[in-house]
Amino acid sequence: MDDYTDEYMDGLRLKGDPLADATVDALFTGGEVGRFNTLMRWFTTSGQALPEGLPDAARDYLEATTTPPDWVDWGVMEQARQFFIDNNVHISTALSFAAMPACYVIPHVSRLLSATHSLDYPARRMAETGQFTVYLMQPGAFEAGGRFLPAAQKVRLLHASIRRHLRQEGRWPEPVPICQEDMLGGLMMFSLQVLDALHRMGVHITPQGAEAYYYAWRVVGVILGCDPETIPADLQAARHFSDQYMTRHMGPSPEGAHLTRQLIEMYEQVVPGTLLDPVVPALIRYLIGDTPADWLEVPRSRWDSVIKIGPALLGALERFEDRGPWAAQLSDRLGHLVTMLELSSLTRGRVMHYAIPQELRADFGVPAPTARWTPPPPSHKAR
C-alpha cells in the first residue's frame, strides 16, 4: 500500500503490539518482571535452551517469536549483509548523525524519550542501536548461535513495557505510546533515512544494494512487532510513507534540541582533542538539512562549508577500492575495525543488555558497482 491518507495513519496510531503487550501485562500482573530480567541475562543466542523457571507467559512469547518470518528470502538478506560490509563506516555515520537526529525532529518521539529518561543516557541509546545493527549483519545472525533474534525479542518487550508504564501513569496524551505508526516511522529512520544520508555523502551504492538493505529492515520490522501488512513493500512505497509521516509530525521541540545537544557532546568526547569538535554539528546539519537542524538548535560553524567536500573524499576512497579485490577487502576490514572501535567506545567494552524496566526511572572482494542508487522522489501526496 502506498496511499497513506491521514485516516489510514490515524488508525495506525491506535494500534500497539498485542503479543508483546499481553506478555508484559502478564509479567507485571504476576510480579515476575525481576525474575524474568535476571533469567534473560543468560539467554543471548539463538538455539540456546530457554532458562528454567521462566514465567509461562514469557516462555510462550519466546517460543512464538523464536524464528524469523517464513517468507524471508535469504539470498536478499545475504545481499544486505554484503552491502553492510561494504559500507559499515558510512552506515554507522548515517545512523548516528542522520537517523537519530531525524527521530528527534518528531516532537512526540523526543517527548517519549524524555519520559523514559533516555535523554540522560545518549551513549547507552547509541550503543544499543549500534550493537543491534551489528548483530543483524553478522554471518548466521538468524542461525543457532546468532545474537540478533534474542536481542530483538527483548527489545520488543522493552517497547511494550514502555507502552504500559506511560499508559498507566497517565504520562502520554494518546491511547497508545510507541504505536504502529511510530514503529513504522522508526523503521524508515533506520532504513530509508540511512540510505538518503549515504546518497548525500556521495557513497556509491547500487539500486540492488539499497533495496536489499531496506528488505533487511522490513524483516526486522516484523520481528520487532510491526504489522507485516502495513510495512511499505519497497523503497518507493517507503518514500510515500516517510514523506507522509514526517509531514504530519516533524517540528521543533525543547526535548529534541536537548537530545541533539547531548548527542553532539557525546561524540565530541569520543573524538580526542577539541580541534574537530565542530565537525559533529556540521555533519548533522549537512545530512538532515538546515531547517531540521535549526529546529534542533544545531550550532553553525565554519565547518558547515568544509564538510561539503566529504563526497569528494569518499569518491577518492571508492576509486581506491576499485583497484582490485585486495583493495576492496582491505577497505572492508578497516571499515569493520573503525565501526567496532566506535561501538566499543560507546559500550566501554560491555555487552548491552535489553531488559524490561520495572519503573520509568532516570533511566570479501566485491566487484565495483555498475549503477548508482538515487533516492525515490518525494511523494506528491505529502502535504
Protein backbone atom coordinates (compact mmCIF):
# COMPACT_ATOMS: atom_id res chain seq x y z
CA MET A 1 0.00 0.00 0.00
CA ASP A 2 1.29 3.48 -0.84
CA ASP A 3 -1.87 5.57 -0.39
CA TYR A 4 -1.09 6.75 3.13
CA THR A 5 -4.02 9.02 3.93
CA ASP A 6 -4.42 10.82 7.23
CA GLU A 7 -7.29 8.48 8.08
CA TYR A 8 -5.10 5.44 7.49
CA MET A 9 -2.22 6.89 9.51
CA ASP A 10 -4.57 7.88 12.33
CA GLY A 11 -5.71 4.26 12.50
CA LEU A 12 -2.11 3.12 12.97
CA ARG A 13 -1.83 5.43 15.98
CA LEU A 14 -4.45 3.34 17.80
CA LYS A 15 -2.56 0.04 17.47
CA GLY A 16 0.24 -1.38 19.59
CA ASP A 17 1.81 -4.85 19.59
CA PRO A 18 -0.82 -7.26 21.00
CA LEU A 19 1.51 -10.23 21.58
CA ALA A 20 4.25 -8.29 23.38
CA ASP A 21 1.72 -6.13 25.25
CA ALA A 22 -0.12 -9.18 26.59
CA THR A 23 3.18 -10.78 27.65
CA VAL A 24 4.33 -7.71 29.56
CA ASP A 25 0.93 -7.28 31.23
CA ALA A 26 1.08 -10.89 32.42
CA LEU A 27 4.61 -10.45 33.80
CA PHE A 28 3.69 -7.31 35.74
CA THR A 29 0.40 -8.74 36.99
CA GLY A 30 2.20 -11.83 38.29
CA GLY A 31 5.04 -9.79 39.82
CA GLU A 32 7.56 -11.71 37.69
CA VAL A 33 9.43 -8.95 35.84
CA GLY A 34 12.50 -9.07 38.07
CA ARG A 35 12.84 -12.83 37.78
CA PHE A 36 12.35 -12.65 34.02
CA ASN A 37 15.08 -10.00 33.63
CA THR A 38 17.52 -11.99 35.75
CA LEU A 39 16.98 -15.19 33.78
CA MET A 40 17.12 -13.44 30.41
CA ARG A 41 20.59 -12.05 31.04
CA TRP A 42 21.81 -15.58 30.36
CA PHE A 43 19.69 -16.03 27.21
CA THR A 44 21.74 -14.36 24.49
CA THR A 45 21.97 -16.64 21.44
CA SER A 46 19.55 -18.40 19.09
CA GLY A 47 19.21 -22.13 19.66
CA GLN A 48 20.07 -21.79 23.33
CA ALA A 49 17.74 -23.64 25.70
CA LEU A 50 15.35 -21.30 27.49
CA PRO A 51 16.23 -20.83 31.17
CA GLU A 52 14.45 -22.97 33.73
CA GLY A 53 11.91 -21.10 35.81
CA LEU A 54 10.70 -18.69 33.13
CA PRO A 55 7.14 -17.46 33.69
CA ASP A 56 4.67 -19.23 31.39
CA ALA A 57 3.72 -16.05 29.53
CA ALA A 58 7.37 -15.28 28.81
CA ARG A 59 8.10 -18.82 27.65
CA ASP A 60 5.09 -18.77 25.31
CA TYR A 61 6.19 -15.42 23.87
CA LEU A 62 9.80 -16.51 23.34
CA GLU A 63 8.74 -19.74 21.67
CA ALA A 64 6.30 -17.90 19.39
CA THR A 65 8.95 -15.39 18.27
CA THR A 66 11.99 -17.66 18.09
CA THR A 67 12.18 -17.80 14.29
CA PRO A 68 12.11 -15.13 11.55
CA PRO A 69 9.14 -14.87 9.15
CA ASP A 70 8.81 -17.88 6.85
CA TRP A 71 8.74 -15.65 3.74
CA VAL A 72 12.29 -14.33 4.17
CA ASP A 73 14.44 -14.50 1.03
CA TRP A 74 17.85 -15.44 2.42
CA GLY A 75 19.58 -14.56 -0.83
CA VAL A 76 18.41 -10.96 -0.47
CA MET A 77 19.42 -10.98 3.20
CA GLU A 78 22.93 -12.01 2.17
CA GLN A 79 22.98 -9.13 -0.32
CA ALA A 80 22.04 -6.82 2.56
CA ARG A 81 24.87 -8.19 4.68
CA GLN A 82 27.38 -7.63 1.88
CA PHE A 83 26.01 -4.10 1.48
CA PHE A 84 26.64 -3.51 5.18
CA ILE A 85 30.18 -4.91 4.94
CA ASP A 86 30.95 -2.57 2.03
CA ASN A 87 29.51 0.49 3.77
CA ASN A 88 29.68 -0.20 7.50
CA VAL A 89 31.52 3.00 8.47
CA HIS A 90 29.22 5.11 6.31
CA ILE A 91 26.14 3.36 7.72
CA SER A 92 27.35 3.95 11.29
CA THR A 93 27.85 7.63 10.42
CA ALA A 94 24.38 7.84 8.88
CA LEU A 95 22.77 6.16 11.90
CA SER A 96 24.49 8.48 14.36
CA PHE A 97 24.30 11.80 12.55
CA ALA A 98 21.21 11.48 10.34
CA ALA A 99 18.82 8.76 11.51
CA MET A 100 18.96 9.62 15.22
CA PRO A 101 18.57 13.40 14.71
CA ALA A 102 15.71 12.66 12.28
CA CYS A 103 13.99 10.86 15.16
CA TYR A 104 14.48 13.94 17.34
CA VAL A 105 12.71 16.11 14.74
CA ILE A 106 9.48 14.30 15.71
CA PRO A 107 8.42 16.15 18.89
CA HIS A 108 6.34 13.37 20.42
CA VAL A 109 9.18 10.87 19.87
CA SER A 110 11.54 13.20 21.72
CA ARG A 111 8.97 13.61 24.49
CA LEU A 112 8.73 9.83 24.77
CA LEU A 113 12.49 9.58 25.16
CA SER A 114 12.27 12.31 27.77
CA ALA A 115 9.54 10.44 29.65
CA THR A 116 11.72 7.33 29.83
CA HIS A 117 14.77 9.40 30.83
CA SER A 118 16.75 8.22 27.82
CA LEU A 119 17.74 11.85 27.32
CA ASP A 120 20.19 11.46 30.17
CA TYR A 121 21.90 8.45 28.59
CA PRO A 122 22.57 9.18 24.90
CA ALA A 123 25.64 6.93 24.85
CA ARG A 124 23.59 3.96 26.03
CA ARG A 125 20.93 4.52 23.38
CA MET A 126 23.53 4.83 20.61
CA ALA A 127 25.38 1.78 21.93
CA GLU A 128 22.19 -0.28 21.94
CA THR A 129 21.34 0.82 18.39
CA GLY A 130 24.85 0.11 17.12
CA GLN A 131 25.04 -3.28 18.81
CA PHE A 132 21.61 -4.23 17.45
CA THR A 133 22.67 -3.38 13.88
CA VAL A 134 25.98 -5.24 14.19
CA TYR A 135 24.12 -8.33 15.47
CA LEU A 136 21.74 -8.11 12.50
CA MET A 137 24.50 -8.02 9.90
CA GLN A 138 26.67 -10.81 11.30
CA PRO A 139 27.02 -14.07 9.30
CA GLY A 140 24.45 -16.53 10.61
CA ALA A 141 22.58 -13.82 12.50
CA PHE A 142 19.39 -15.89 12.40
CA GLU A 143 21.01 -19.29 12.90
CA ALA A 144 21.88 -21.17 16.10
CA GLY A 145 24.48 -19.13 17.94
CA GLY A 146 23.36 -15.80 16.44
CA ARG A 147 22.70 -12.94 18.83
CA PHE A 148 20.20 -10.94 16.81
CA LEU A 149 16.90 -12.74 17.47
CA PRO A 150 17.22 -12.85 21.28
CA ALA A 151 18.14 -9.15 21.25
CA ALA A 152 15.09 -8.37 19.08
CA GLN A 153 12.80 -10.41 21.34
CA LYS A 154 13.96 -8.36 24.33
CA VAL A 155 13.69 -5.01 22.53
CA ARG A 156 10.10 -5.84 21.57
CA LEU A 157 9.22 -6.46 25.23
CA LEU A 158 11.08 -3.30 26.24
CA HIS A 159 8.85 -1.28 23.91
CA ALA A 160 5.75 -2.99 25.30
CA SER A 161 6.81 -2.18 28.86
CA ILE A 162 7.21 1.50 27.98
CA ARG A 163 3.73 1.48 26.47
CA ARG A 164 2.38 0.01 29.69
CA HIS A 165 4.19 2.44 32.00
CA LEU A 166 3.21 5.55 30.07
CA ARG A 167 -0.40 4.43 29.75
CA GLN A 168 -0.79 3.54 33.44
CA GLU A 169 0.99 6.62 34.72
CA GLY A 170 -1.08 8.91 32.52
CA ARG A 171 2.08 10.38 31.04
CA TRP A 172 1.02 10.12 27.40
CA PRO A 173 -1.77 12.16 25.77
CA GLU A 174 -2.68 9.48 23.22
CA PRO A 175 -4.12 5.98 23.72
CA VAL A 176 -1.02 4.09 22.51
CA PRO A 177 2.62 5.16 23.06
CA ILE A 178 5.04 3.59 20.55
CA CYS A 179 2.09 2.91 18.24
CA GLN A 180 2.28 1.19 14.88
CA GLU A 181 2.70 4.48 13.01
CA ASP A 182 5.70 5.42 15.15
CA MET A 183 7.17 1.93 14.90
CA LEU A 184 6.99 2.21 11.12
CA GLY A 185 8.35 5.74 11.31
CA GLY A 186 11.35 4.44 13.26
CA LEU A 187 11.84 1.75 10.64
CA MET A 188 12.02 4.47 7.99
CA MET A 189 14.67 6.33 10.02
CA PHE A 190 16.98 3.31 10.18
CA SER A 191 16.45 2.24 6.57
CA LEU A 192 15.38 4.96 4.14
CA GLN A 193 16.90 7.86 6.10
CA VAL A 194 20.21 5.99 6.29
CA LEU A 195 20.17 5.40 2.53
CA ASP A 196 19.36 9.07 1.95
CA ALA A 197 22.32 10.04 4.13
CA LEU A 198 24.63 7.71 2.19
CA HIS A 199 23.47 9.34 -1.03
CA ARG A 200 24.06 12.77 0.49
CA MET A 201 27.58 11.75 1.50
CA GLY A 202 28.30 10.65 -2.07
CA VAL A 203 28.58 6.95 -1.28
CA HIS A 204 28.24 4.92 -4.49
CA ILE A 205 25.55 2.29 -3.88
CA THR A 206 23.58 0.22 -6.36
CA PRO A 207 19.79 0.07 -6.64
CA GLN A 208 20.00 -3.64 -5.79
CA GLY A 209 22.09 -2.92 -2.68
CA ALA A 210 19.71 -0.22 -1.50
CA GLU A 211 16.64 -2.44 -1.96
CA ALA A 212 18.38 -5.33 -0.18
CA TYR A 213 19.28 -3.11 2.78
CA TYR A 214 15.67 -1.92 3.00
CA TYR A 215 14.43 -5.50 2.69
CA ALA A 216 16.50 -6.49 5.72
CA TRP A 217 14.84 -3.76 7.76
CA ARG A 218 11.41 -4.93 6.57
CA VAL A 219 12.28 -8.29 8.10
CA VAL A 220 13.45 -6.52 11.27
CA GLY A 221 10.18 -4.60 11.42
CA VAL A 222 8.14 -7.80 11.52
CA ILE A 223 10.42 -9.29 14.17
CA LEU A 224 10.02 -6.14 16.30
CA GLY A 225 6.23 -6.27 16.16
CA CYS A 226 5.24 -4.16 13.15
CA ASP A 227 2.15 -5.44 11.39
CA PRO A 228 3.54 -7.10 8.21
CA GLU A 229 0.57 -5.83 6.19
CA THR A 230 1.44 -2.21 6.93
CA ILE A 231 5.20 -2.22 6.21
CA PRO A 232 5.91 -0.48 2.85
CA ALA A 233 6.79 -3.17 0.33
CA ASP A 234 9.73 -1.40 -1.35
CA LEU A 235 11.71 1.82 -1.30
CA GLN A 236 9.22 3.70 -3.46
CA ALA A 237 6.38 2.87 -1.06
CA ALA A 238 8.69 3.65 1.86
CA ARG A 239 9.25 7.15 0.42
CA HIS A 240 5.48 7.73 0.30
CA PHE A 241 5.06 6.59 3.91
CA SER A 242 8.07 8.52 5.19
CA ASP A 243 7.02 11.76 3.49
CA GLN A 244 3.54 11.50 4.96
CA TYR A 245 4.82 10.59 8.43
CA MET A 246 7.35 13.42 8.55
CA THR A 247 4.90 15.97 7.17
CA ARG A 248 2.34 15.01 9.79
CA HIS A 249 4.64 15.22 12.78
CA MET A 250 8.01 16.95 12.32
CA GLY A 251 8.80 20.21 14.04
CA PRO A 252 10.83 21.84 16.82
CA SER A 253 10.68 20.83 20.48
CA PRO A 254 12.80 21.57 23.57
CA GLU A 255 13.26 17.83 24.12
CA GLY A 256 14.53 17.33 20.57
CA ALA A 257 17.01 20.19 20.94
CA HIS A 258 18.22 18.86 24.29
CA LEU A 259 18.67 15.34 22.97
CA THR A 260 20.61 16.62 19.96
CA ARG A 261 22.87 18.66 22.21
CA GLN A 262 23.55 15.55 24.29
CA LEU A 263 24.35 13.60 21.13
CA ILE A 264 26.79 16.25 19.92
CA GLU A 265 28.52 16.45 23.31
CA MET A 266 28.81 12.68 23.49
CA TYR A 267 30.62 12.41 20.15
CA GLU A 268 32.81 15.39 20.93
CA GLN A 269 34.01 13.40 23.94
CA VAL A 270 34.61 10.29 21.82
CA VAL A 271 36.91 12.22 19.42
CA PRO A 272 40.22 13.14 21.15
CA GLY A 273 41.04 16.84 21.49
CA THR A 274 38.83 19.79 20.58
CA LEU A 275 40.02 20.79 17.09
CA LEU A 276 37.49 18.57 15.32
CA ASP A 277 34.58 19.20 17.72
CA PRO A 278 32.71 21.43 15.22
CA VAL A 279 32.72 18.60 12.68
CA VAL A 280 29.95 16.77 14.56
CA PRO A 281 27.27 19.50 14.35
CA ALA A 282 28.41 20.39 10.82
CA LEU A 283 27.88 16.79 9.71
CA ILE A 284 24.44 16.63 11.31
CA ARG A 285 23.43 19.89 9.61
CA TYR A 286 24.75 18.67 6.26
CA LEU A 287 22.91 15.32 6.45
CA ILE A 288 19.50 16.44 7.71
CA GLY A 289 19.29 19.93 6.18
CA ASP A 290 19.18 23.44 7.58
CA THR A 291 15.53 23.63 8.64
CA PRO A 292 15.52 20.46 10.79
CA ALA A 293 18.99 21.40 12.10
CA ASP A 294 17.68 24.82 13.15
CA TRP A 295 14.72 23.16 14.89
CA LEU A 296 17.20 21.00 16.81
CA GLU A 297 19.37 24.07 17.56
CA VAL A 298 22.43 22.53 15.89
CA PRO A 299 25.14 25.19 16.10
CA ARG A 300 26.66 26.67 12.95
CA SER A 301 30.40 26.96 12.33
CA ARG A 302 32.98 27.41 9.56
CA TRP A 303 32.93 23.62 9.20
CA ASP A 304 29.47 23.83 7.62
CA SER A 305 31.18 24.68 4.32
CA VAL A 306 34.22 22.46 4.80
CA ILE A 307 32.10 19.35 5.40
CA LYS A 308 30.71 19.60 1.87
CA ILE A 309 33.96 18.27 0.43
CA GLY A 310 33.18 14.94 2.10
CA PRO A 311 31.61 13.36 -1.02
CA ALA A 312 34.80 14.12 -2.99
CA LEU A 313 36.92 12.38 -0.35
CA LEU A 314 34.61 9.37 -0.36
CA GLY A 315 34.86 9.30 -4.15
CA ALA A 316 38.65 9.03 -3.85
CA LEU A 317 38.23 6.15 -1.39
CA GLU A 318 35.90 4.35 -3.79
CA ARG A 319 38.42 4.75 -6.61
CA PHE A 320 40.99 3.08 -4.34
CA GLU A 321 38.57 0.20 -3.73
CA ASP A 322 38.06 -0.20 -7.48
CA ARG A 323 41.76 -1.00 -7.96
CA GLY A 324 41.03 -4.65 -7.27
CA PRO A 325 39.55 -7.20 -4.84
CA TRP A 326 42.50 -6.78 -2.48
CA ALA A 327 41.79 -3.05 -2.12
CA ALA A 328 38.08 -3.59 -1.53
CA GLN A 329 38.81 -6.29 1.03
CA LEU A 330 41.31 -4.07 2.84
CA SER A 331 38.79 -1.23 2.91
CA ASP A 332 36.08 -3.54 4.25
CA ARG A 333 38.33 -4.77 7.05
CA LEU A 334 39.40 -1.27 8.00
CA GLY A 335 35.76 -0.21 7.97
CA HIS A 336 34.83 -3.08 10.25
CA LEU A 337 37.63 -2.13 12.63
CA VAL A 338 36.54 1.52 12.78
CA THR A 339 32.92 0.52 13.38
CA MET A 340 33.84 -1.85 16.19
CA LEU A 341 36.13 0.75 17.79
CA GLU A 342 33.28 3.28 17.74
CA LEU A 343 30.89 0.74 19.25
CA SER A 344 33.46 -0.22 21.88
CA SER A 345 33.90 3.43 22.87
CA LEU A 346 30.15 3.76 23.40
CA THR A 347 29.69 0.47 25.27
CA ARG A 348 33.02 0.72 27.13
CA GLY A 349 33.61 -2.86 26.04
CA ARG A 350 30.44 -4.21 27.65
CA VAL A 351 27.55 -6.13 26.13
CA MET A 352 24.37 -4.04 26.28
CA HIS A 353 21.52 -5.96 27.94
CA TYR A 354 17.94 -5.20 26.96
CA ALA A 355 15.67 -5.54 29.97
CA ILE A 356 12.09 -4.69 30.93
CA PRO A 357 12.15 -1.58 33.17
CA GLN A 358 10.12 -2.16 36.32
CA GLU A 359 9.57 1.59 36.52
CA LEU A 360 10.43 4.61 34.43
CA ARG A 361 13.48 5.92 36.21
CA ALA A 362 16.31 8.31 35.40
CA ASP A 363 16.81 5.59 33.40
CA PHE A 364 35.04 -10.48 0.76
CA GLY A 365 36.30 -8.75 -2.65
CA VAL A 366 33.11 -7.22 -4.04
CA PRO A 367 33.02 -6.06 -7.70
CA ALA A 368 32.69 -2.34 -8.35
CA PRO A 369 29.01 -1.35 -8.73
CA THR A 370 27.81 -0.58 -12.24
CA ALA A 371 24.84 1.64 -11.38
CA ARG A 372 24.22 4.22 -8.68
CA TRP A 373 21.16 4.27 -6.44
CA THR A 374 19.28 7.54 -6.26
CA PRO A 375 16.56 8.21 -3.67
CA PRO A 376 12.94 7.76 -4.70
CA PRO A 377 11.40 11.19 -5.45
CA PRO A 378 9.33 12.93 -2.77
CA SER A 379 5.75 11.79 -2.60
CA HIS A 380 3.29 14.16 -4.24
CA LYS A 381 0.74 13.10 -1.65
CA ALA A 382 2.62 14.61 1.26
CA ARG A 383 1.02 17.82 2.43
